């Protein structure tokens, strides 16, 4: 990628400064290499060189500041305005610095038809912005076919459900035609916090407001028979199981919100979001202590973490699917 000619000329004028006699050859060389990297559109390399300048030449404060301005100007000039126009609700809410950092965090891809982008029930930490082409979103059927529930195209986002929440993919997504899209990796987005605090939250708000999460979830709930859910008061002591089903040393306690024969949900407090992500698809041994009809009810059952919802601050809701149905004689005790 090379920035436009006008921007190159502006960058060259600002970068081809006259170095004084006290400026070392190392500083001059690093600064010129930064300029060359910016003109080529290699902003990651430019940032690395600027960091090298700061570490090796700590007294070259003026050069470090000018290098930062140079990189920012180049990044801004290199933004694809056509892409911005496709997502005005997102980019209009960002500052110029946030907009630049966000755009350059994306990787551009061109994919042929029939390529799987997301797979139902699998882990995903990517967010796609579709610039051209059509993507079919659906639920897998027993006959190995896909029941299409939505078609996405130019200007749509994909993967926002599993990206904005800690959850498995709620549907399968396959390119129906050749597609041009840009992809954001979750690890990249999480790295914004130091330089652009609040940018990640703005993206999540956009996903929740303009994505297709609700449409897909409503369809699934309408098509999938579920067991009645009952509100319940009590606590659960959870123990993480290893791949062999043996108890590990990781234990935590939560407050139960609801329960059915097939699953439950309970709230926990945690300051380690990354550790919560690792719980997806993991099995837990769950020891329940509940109050029902004025009596205490205790039982143990294993289950799998299928989703983690954010509640407030450092509170989360773990959604569990039991490995087997709770015996009916137990669940009947929760009926009002």
Protein backbone atom coordinates (compact mmCIF):
# COMPACT_ATOMS: atom_id res chain seq x y z
CA UNK A 1 0.00 0.00 0.00
CA UNK A 2 1.31 3.47 -0.91
CA UNK A 3 -0.27 6.68 0.26
CA UNK A 4 -1.59 9.13 -2.35
CA UNK A 5 0.83 11.46 -4.18
CA UNK A 6 -0.41 14.62 -2.49
CA UNK A 7 0.08 13.07 0.92
CA UNK A 8 3.54 11.81 -0.07
CA UNK A 9 4.60 15.32 -1.04
CA UNK A 10 3.30 16.70 2.24
CA UNK A 11 5.06 13.97 4.18
CA UNK A 12 8.30 14.55 2.30
CA UNK A 13 8.26 18.26 3.05
CA UNK A 14 7.64 17.65 6.76
CA UNK A 15 10.15 14.79 6.95
CA UNK A 16 13.05 16.23 4.92
CA UNK A 17 14.01 18.54 7.74
CA UNK A 18 17.43 20.07 8.11
CA UNK A 19 19.32 18.29 10.86
CA UNK A 20 21.61 20.41 13.01
CA UNK A 21 25.25 19.57 13.65
CA UNK A 22 24.44 17.92 17.00
CA UNK A 23 22.00 15.44 15.50
CA UNK A 24 23.71 12.06 15.31
CA UNK A 25 23.93 10.03 12.15
CA UNK A 26 21.90 7.31 13.88
CA UNK A 27 19.00 9.69 14.53
CA UNK A 28 19.11 10.96 10.96
CA UNK A 29 19.15 7.44 9.55
CA UNK A 30 16.29 6.22 11.75
CA UNK A 31 14.19 9.27 10.94
CA UNK A 32 14.65 8.80 7.19
CA UNK A 33 13.80 5.11 7.49
CA UNK A 34 10.61 6.08 9.31
CA UNK A 35 9.77 8.46 6.49
CA UNK A 36 10.34 5.75 3.87
CA UNK A 37 8.19 3.25 5.80
CA UNK A 38 5.35 5.77 6.04
CA UNK A 39 5.45 6.58 2.33
CA UNK A 40 5.28 2.83 1.57
CA UNK A 41 2.32 2.50 3.91
CA UNK A 42 4.21 0.18 6.28
CA UNK A 43 3.06 1.85 9.48
CA UNK A 44 3.86 -1.11 11.72
CA UNK A 45 7.49 -0.89 10.64
CA UNK A 46 7.43 2.89 11.10
CA UNK A 47 6.20 2.45 14.70
CA UNK A 48 8.93 -0.11 15.40
CA UNK A 49 11.57 2.28 14.09
CA UNK A 50 10.19 5.13 16.18
CA UNK A 51 10.34 2.93 19.30
CA UNK A 52 13.93 2.08 18.36
CA UNK A 53 14.64 5.80 18.10
CA UNK A 54 13.18 6.45 21.56
CA UNK A 55 15.07 3.59 23.20
CA UNK A 56 18.46 4.14 21.56
CA UNK A 57 18.37 7.92 21.34
CA UNK A 58 16.39 9.13 24.39
CA UNK A 59 17.57 12.73 23.92
CA UNK A 60 16.11 12.93 20.39
CA UNK A 61 12.78 14.12 21.78
CA UNK A 62 12.01 16.50 18.92
CA UNK A 63 12.63 13.79 16.33
CA UNK A 64 10.45 11.29 18.21
CA UNK A 65 7.57 13.77 18.33
CA UNK A 66 7.92 14.63 14.64
CA UNK A 67 8.08 10.92 13.77
CA UNK A 68 4.81 10.33 15.63
CA UNK A 69 3.16 13.19 13.74
CA UNK A 70 4.54 11.83 10.48
CA UNK A 71 3.16 8.35 11.12
CA UNK A 72 -0.25 9.68 12.17
CA UNK A 73 -0.46 11.89 9.07
CA UNK A 74 0.45 8.97 6.84
CA UNK A 75 -2.06 6.64 8.46
CA UNK A 76 -4.82 9.20 8.09
CA UNK A 77 -3.98 9.79 4.41
CA UNK A 78 -4.01 6.06 3.69
CA UNK A 79 -7.54 5.38 5.00
CA UNK A 80 -9.88 4.01 2.33
CA UNK A 81 -12.69 6.59 2.19
CA UNK A 82 -14.96 4.12 0.37
CA UNK A 83 -14.69 1.77 3.34
CA UNK A 84 -15.54 4.55 5.79
CA UNK A 85 -18.63 5.43 3.77
CA UNK A 86 -19.96 1.87 4.22
CA UNK A 87 -19.97 2.13 8.02
CA UNK A 88 -20.85 5.73 8.94
CA UNK A 89 -22.53 4.74 12.23
CA UNK A 90 -19.21 3.29 13.38
CA UNK A 91 -16.64 5.76 12.07
CA UNK A 92 -18.62 8.94 12.74
CA UNK A 93 -18.46 8.14 16.44
CA UNK A 94 -14.66 7.88 16.49
CA UNK A 95 -12.05 10.57 16.91
CA UNK A 96 -9.57 11.05 14.02
CA UNK A 97 -6.93 9.12 15.98
CA UNK A 98 -9.33 6.28 16.83
CA UNK A 99 -10.56 6.13 13.24
CA UNK A 100 -7.03 5.82 11.94
CA UNK A 101 -5.99 3.19 14.46
CA UNK A 102 -9.16 1.16 13.89
CA UNK A 103 -8.91 1.15 10.10
CA UNK A 104 -5.26 0.10 10.11
CA UNK A 105 -6.07 -2.74 12.51
CA UNK A 106 -8.09 -4.40 9.73
CA UNK A 107 -6.71 -6.93 7.26
CA UNK A 108 -8.16 -7.04 3.76
CA UNK A 109 -9.10 -10.33 2.07
CA UNK A 110 -10.65 -11.47 -1.20
CA UNK A 111 -12.30 -14.88 -0.86
CA UNK A 112 -13.86 -17.18 -3.45
CA UNK A 113 -17.41 -18.55 -3.13
CA UNK A 114 -18.16 -21.43 -0.73
CA UNK A 115 -15.54 -20.47 1.87
CA UNK A 116 -16.56 -20.99 5.50
CA UNK A 117 -16.05 -17.87 7.62
CA UNK A 118 -17.80 -19.03 10.78
CA UNK A 119 -18.86 -22.49 11.92
CA UNK A 120 -21.83 -23.08 14.19
CA UNK A 121 -20.78 -24.03 17.71
CA UNK A 122 -17.10 -23.22 17.21
CA UNK A 123 -14.87 -20.59 18.76
CA UNK A 124 -14.44 -17.29 16.97
CA UNK A 125 -12.50 -14.14 17.78
CA UNK A 126 -12.82 -12.32 14.45
CA UNK A 127 -15.08 -9.56 13.18
CA UNK A 128 -15.70 -9.21 9.44
CA UNK A 129 -16.68 -6.10 7.49
CA UNK A 130 -18.15 -7.03 4.11
CA UNK A 131 -17.25 -4.60 1.32
CA UNK A 132 -18.48 -6.64 -1.66
CA UNK A 133 -20.19 -9.97 -2.32
CA UNK A 134 -22.78 -12.03 -0.46
CA UNK A 135 -22.46 -14.21 2.65
CA UNK A 136 -25.11 -16.78 3.61
CA UNK A 137 -25.75 -17.22 7.35
CA UNK A 138 -27.61 -20.28 8.54
CA UNK A 139 -28.01 -23.22 10.85
CA UNK A 140 -26.67 -26.71 10.00
CA UNK A 141 -29.29 -29.39 9.37
CA UNK A 142 -29.12 -33.19 9.88
CA UNK A 143 -28.85 -33.74 6.10
CA UNK A 144 -25.56 -31.79 6.09
CA UNK A 145 -27.27 -28.81 4.49
CA UNK A 146 -27.55 -25.23 5.71
CA UNK A 147 -30.89 -23.65 6.57
CA UNK A 148 -30.26 -20.04 5.53
CA UNK A 149 -31.68 -17.48 7.95
CA UNK A 150 -29.95 -14.34 6.68
CA UNK A 151 -27.91 -13.05 3.75
CA UNK A 152 -25.32 -10.39 4.37
CA UNK A 153 -23.65 -8.11 1.84
CA UNK A 154 -21.97 -4.79 1.24
CA UNK A 155 -21.92 -2.68 4.41
CA UNK A 156 -22.79 -5.53 6.81
CA UNK A 157 -20.74 -6.89 9.71
CA UNK A 158 -20.33 -10.58 10.46
CA UNK A 159 -19.23 -12.43 13.58
CA UNK A 160 -20.41 -9.75 15.97
CA UNK A 161 -22.29 -12.22 18.21
CA UNK A 162 -19.23 -14.23 19.22
CA UNK A 163 -16.99 -11.15 19.04
CA UNK A 164 -19.11 -8.86 21.25
CA UNK A 165 -19.88 -11.62 23.74
CA UNK A 166 -17.86 -14.53 25.06
CA UNK A 167 -19.68 -17.27 23.21
CA UNK A 168 -19.56 -19.90 20.52
CA UNK A 169 -20.71 -19.10 16.99
CA UNK A 170 -24.51 -18.98 16.88
CA UNK A 171 -24.61 -19.81 13.15
CA UNK A 172 -22.51 -20.90 10.19
CA UNK A 173 -21.45 -18.30 7.61
CA UNK A 174 -20.37 -19.20 4.08
CA UNK A 175 -19.41 -16.95 1.16
CA UNK A 176 -22.12 -17.28 -1.49
CA UNK A 177 -20.14 -15.30 -4.09
CA UNK A 178 -16.63 -13.97 -4.28
CA UNK A 179 -16.30 -11.55 -1.37
CA UNK A 180 -14.07 -8.65 -0.45
CA UNK A 181 -13.92 -8.05 3.27
CA UNK A 182 -11.79 -6.70 6.06
CA UNK A 183 -11.14 -8.66 9.24
CA UNK A 184 -10.38 -7.54 12.78
CA UNK A 185 -8.70 -9.99 15.14
CA UNK A 186 -9.86 -9.90 18.75
CA UNK A 187 -6.32 -9.80 20.13
CA UNK A 188 -5.60 -6.70 18.06
CA UNK A 189 -8.72 -4.94 19.34
CA UNK A 190 -7.89 -5.77 22.94
CA UNK A 191 -4.50 -4.11 22.46
CA UNK A 192 -6.08 -0.70 21.93
CA UNK A 193 -6.68 -0.04 25.63
CA UNK A 194 -3.40 1.73 26.40
CA UNK A 195 -3.33 4.05 23.39
CA UNK A 196 -7.07 4.39 22.72
CA UNK A 197 -9.06 3.66 25.91
CA UNK A 198 -12.73 3.35 25.12
CA UNK A 199 -12.31 2.40 21.46
CA UNK A 200 -13.03 -1.28 22.08
CA UNK A 201 -16.22 -0.39 23.97
CA UNK A 202 -17.36 1.85 21.09
CA UNK A 203 -16.91 -1.08 18.70
CA UNK A 204 -18.88 -3.43 20.96
CA UNK A 205 -21.70 -0.88 21.22
CA UNK A 206 -21.78 -0.66 17.42
CA UNK A 207 -21.92 -4.46 17.10
CA UNK A 208 -24.78 -4.76 19.56
CA UNK A 209 -26.75 -1.94 17.93
CA UNK A 210 -26.25 -2.61 14.22
CA UNK A 211 -25.40 -6.31 13.98
CA UNK A 212 -27.76 -9.19 13.25
CA UNK A 213 -27.42 -10.83 16.68
CA UNK A 214 -31.08 -10.48 17.67
CA UNK A 215 -32.39 -11.74 14.33
CA UNK A 216 -30.33 -14.93 14.48
CA UNK A 217 -31.08 -15.59 18.15
CA UNK A 218 -34.83 -15.06 17.72
CA UNK A 219 -34.85 -17.53 14.82
CA UNK A 220 -32.94 -20.12 16.83
CA UNK A 221 -35.27 -19.80 19.81
CA UNK A 222 -38.30 -20.19 17.55
CA UNK A 223 -36.88 -23.28 15.83
CA UNK A 224 -35.28 -25.05 18.78
CA UNK A 225 -37.51 -26.77 21.35
CA UNK A 226 -36.40 -25.84 24.87
CA UNK A 227 -37.25 -27.00 28.36
CA UNK A 228 -39.12 -24.57 30.62
CA UNK A 229 -36.87 -22.27 32.61
CA UNK A 230 -37.53 -21.51 36.25
CA UNK A 231 -36.13 -18.67 38.38
CA UNK A 232 -34.20 -19.95 41.34
CA UNK A 233 -32.30 -18.62 44.34
CA UNK A 234 -29.15 -20.32 45.48
CA UNK A 235 -25.46 -20.81 44.88
CA UNK A 236 -23.36 -23.13 42.79
CA UNK A 237 -19.81 -24.24 43.49
CA UNK A 238 -18.09 -24.97 40.18
CA UNK A 239 -14.97 -27.05 39.64
CA UNK A 240 -13.22 -27.02 36.28
CA UNK A 241 -12.70 -30.49 34.80
CA UNK A 242 -9.78 -31.53 32.63
CA UNK A 243 -10.09 -33.35 29.28
CA UNK A 244 -10.38 -36.66 31.11
CA UNK A 245 -13.23 -35.42 33.29
CA UNK A 246 -11.05 -35.16 36.39
CA UNK A 247 -11.31 -32.24 38.80
CA UNK A 248 -8.69 -29.49 38.58
CA UNK A 249 -7.62 -26.95 41.18
CA UNK A 250 -9.66 -24.17 39.53
CA UNK A 251 -12.82 -23.55 41.55
CA UNK A 252 -15.26 -20.64 41.78
CA UNK A 253 -18.63 -19.80 43.25
CA UNK A 254 -21.65 -18.16 41.64
CA UNK A 255 -25.23 -17.11 42.28
CA UNK A 256 -27.90 -18.97 40.30
CA UNK A 257 -30.35 -17.00 38.17
CA UNK A 258 -32.43 -19.65 36.43
CA UNK A 259 -32.49 -23.36 35.72
CA UNK A 260 -34.10 -25.88 33.36
CA UNK A 261 -33.67 -29.58 32.73
CA UNK A 262 -31.05 -28.84 30.06
CA UNK A 263 -29.07 -25.96 31.51
CA UNK A 264 -28.63 -23.05 33.88
CA UNK A 265 -26.99 -19.67 34.26
CA UNK A 266 -25.19 -18.15 37.21
CA UNK A 267 -23.33 -14.92 37.89
CA UNK A 268 -19.69 -14.66 38.92
CA UNK A 269 -17.28 -11.82 39.65
CA UNK A 270 -13.97 -11.76 37.77
CA UNK A 271 -11.34 -9.23 36.77
CA UNK A 272 -9.78 -11.64 34.28
CA UNK A 273 -11.77 -11.52 31.05
CA UNK A 274 -9.13 -13.56 29.21
CA UNK A 275 -9.52 -16.39 31.71
CA UNK A 276 -13.29 -16.37 31.20
CA UNK A 277 -12.82 -16.78 27.45
CA UNK A 278 -10.83 -19.92 28.13
CA UNK A 279 -13.86 -21.45 29.87
CA UNK A 280 -15.83 -21.72 26.61
CA UNK A 281 -16.52 -25.39 25.74
CA UNK A 282 -14.88 -26.48 29.03
CA UNK A 283 -16.67 -28.87 31.37
CA UNK A 284 -17.52 -28.07 34.99
CA UNK A 285 -18.71 -30.12 37.92
CA UNK A 286 -21.57 -28.09 39.43
CA UNK A 287 -22.64 -28.45 43.06
CA UNK A 288 -26.01 -26.73 43.56
CA UNK A 289 -27.44 -25.55 46.87
CA UNK A 290 -30.91 -24.06 46.24
CA UNK A 291 -33.93 -22.99 48.19
CA UNK A 292 -37.28 -24.31 47.00
CA UNK A 293 -40.59 -24.41 48.85
CA UNK A 294 -38.78 -23.32 51.99
CA UNK A 295 -36.46 -26.30 51.88
CA UNK A 296 -32.83 -26.68 50.88
CA UNK A 297 -32.14 -28.76 47.78
CA UNK A 298 -28.65 -29.97 46.91
CA UNK A 299 -27.48 -31.91 43.86
CA UNK A 300 -24.45 -32.23 41.56
CA UNK A 301 -24.40 -32.37 37.77
CA UNK A 302 -21.70 -31.77 35.10
CA UNK A 303 -22.14 -29.18 32.35
CA UNK A 304 -20.37 -27.26 29.60
CA UNK A 305 -19.87 -23.49 29.30
CA UNK A 306 -21.57 -22.31 26.09
CA UNK A 307 -21.63 -18.54 26.61
CA UNK A 308 -20.48 -15.79 28.97
CA UNK A 309 -22.52 -12.57 29.12
CA UNK A 310 -21.24 -9.27 30.49
CA UNK A 311 -23.41 -7.86 33.28
CA UNK A 312 -21.77 -4.82 34.89
CA UNK A 313 -18.21 -3.82 35.70
CA UNK A 314 -16.50 -7.14 36.51
CA UNK A 315 -19.64 -9.26 36.83
CA UNK A 316 -20.45 -11.94 34.25
CA UNK A 317 -23.19 -14.50 33.64
CA UNK A 318 -22.08 -18.04 32.74
CA UNK A 319 -24.51 -20.01 30.57
CA UNK A 320 -24.27 -23.77 31.06
CA UNK A 321 -25.55 -26.71 29.04
CA UNK A 322 -25.82 -29.86 31.15
CA UNK A 323 -24.19 -33.02 29.86
CA UNK A 324 -27.46 -34.81 30.58
CA UNK A 325 -30.95 -33.70 31.55
CA UNK A 326 -31.71 -33.11 35.20
CA UNK A 327 -34.06 -35.83 36.47
CA UNK A 328 -37.63 -34.64 36.17
CA UNK A 329 -38.34 -35.28 39.86
CA UNK A 330 -35.71 -32.66 40.74
CA UNK A 331 -36.75 -30.00 38.25
CA UNK A 332 -40.42 -30.32 39.31
CA UNK A 333 -39.42 -29.00 42.73
CA UNK A 334 -38.60 -25.65 41.09
CA UNK A 335 -42.04 -25.21 39.56
CA UNK A 336 -44.00 -22.35 41.21
